[in-house]
């Protein structure tokens, strides 16, 4: 039996999604809960390797087990009883034996949240980046359009990436402002290491007047990381949804 889970988590207290030897990761905690429930060692395969401090509402991961011991529709409830409050399984479904949560995805959607006000809000500090300087939303929106399409995003990839190619396709990139909370929403077929956080940093630089929105196509074309904006901090980033052809 091959089962796909949808998982939400607050990434503040974790060293990212992927299991690590010297730090606690979300994958490890979920595997331990599944192993306890099924009374055998369980390994899970995740769709996205979110970094330390990054959050998720729609992370996906699959595992194999000969039996469940509980009805499939009750699995999230039972698992959540074994998980800490900052990790929650929200759905479970059976998938084919050859299903891959990483390579089978049609597209992924992320949001990057910025609190743009004169003073920080402690109640938002875990889930947004604070920018005190006034951002020009209209210019950020004009810049966001240039990211849409199939491009070589080498200028928006952090060092240390193991990707075979830096070409990715962005289906939509929008910027919205509600009550000083700026939300950058990006949907694409896949993303490079720190790609969304660098795009968010480039849009912030555009909003500050450090980069003109007309420069974005040239920055993409030149594939030079130094020309793009800074990498924004992890707490503003949330993996919203992963869509599969199921």
Foldseek 3Di string as FASTA:
>chain_A
DKKKWWKWFQQAQFQWADDDDPTHHVQVQLQVLQCVQQVHRKHKAWQDGAGRLATEDGTMIMTDDPDRVDDQQCVQVSSVVSGDPRMGTDHMDDDDPPDHSHVQFQKWKKKFKEQEDQDDDPVCVSAHHYDPDFFDQVQLQLLQVLQAAWAQQLLQADPPWPDPGSIWHWHGWGWDDDPRMIMIMTMTRDHHHLNVQQSVQQSRCCRVVVDGSVCNNVSRVVSHNVVTGDRHDNSRMYTYHTHGPD
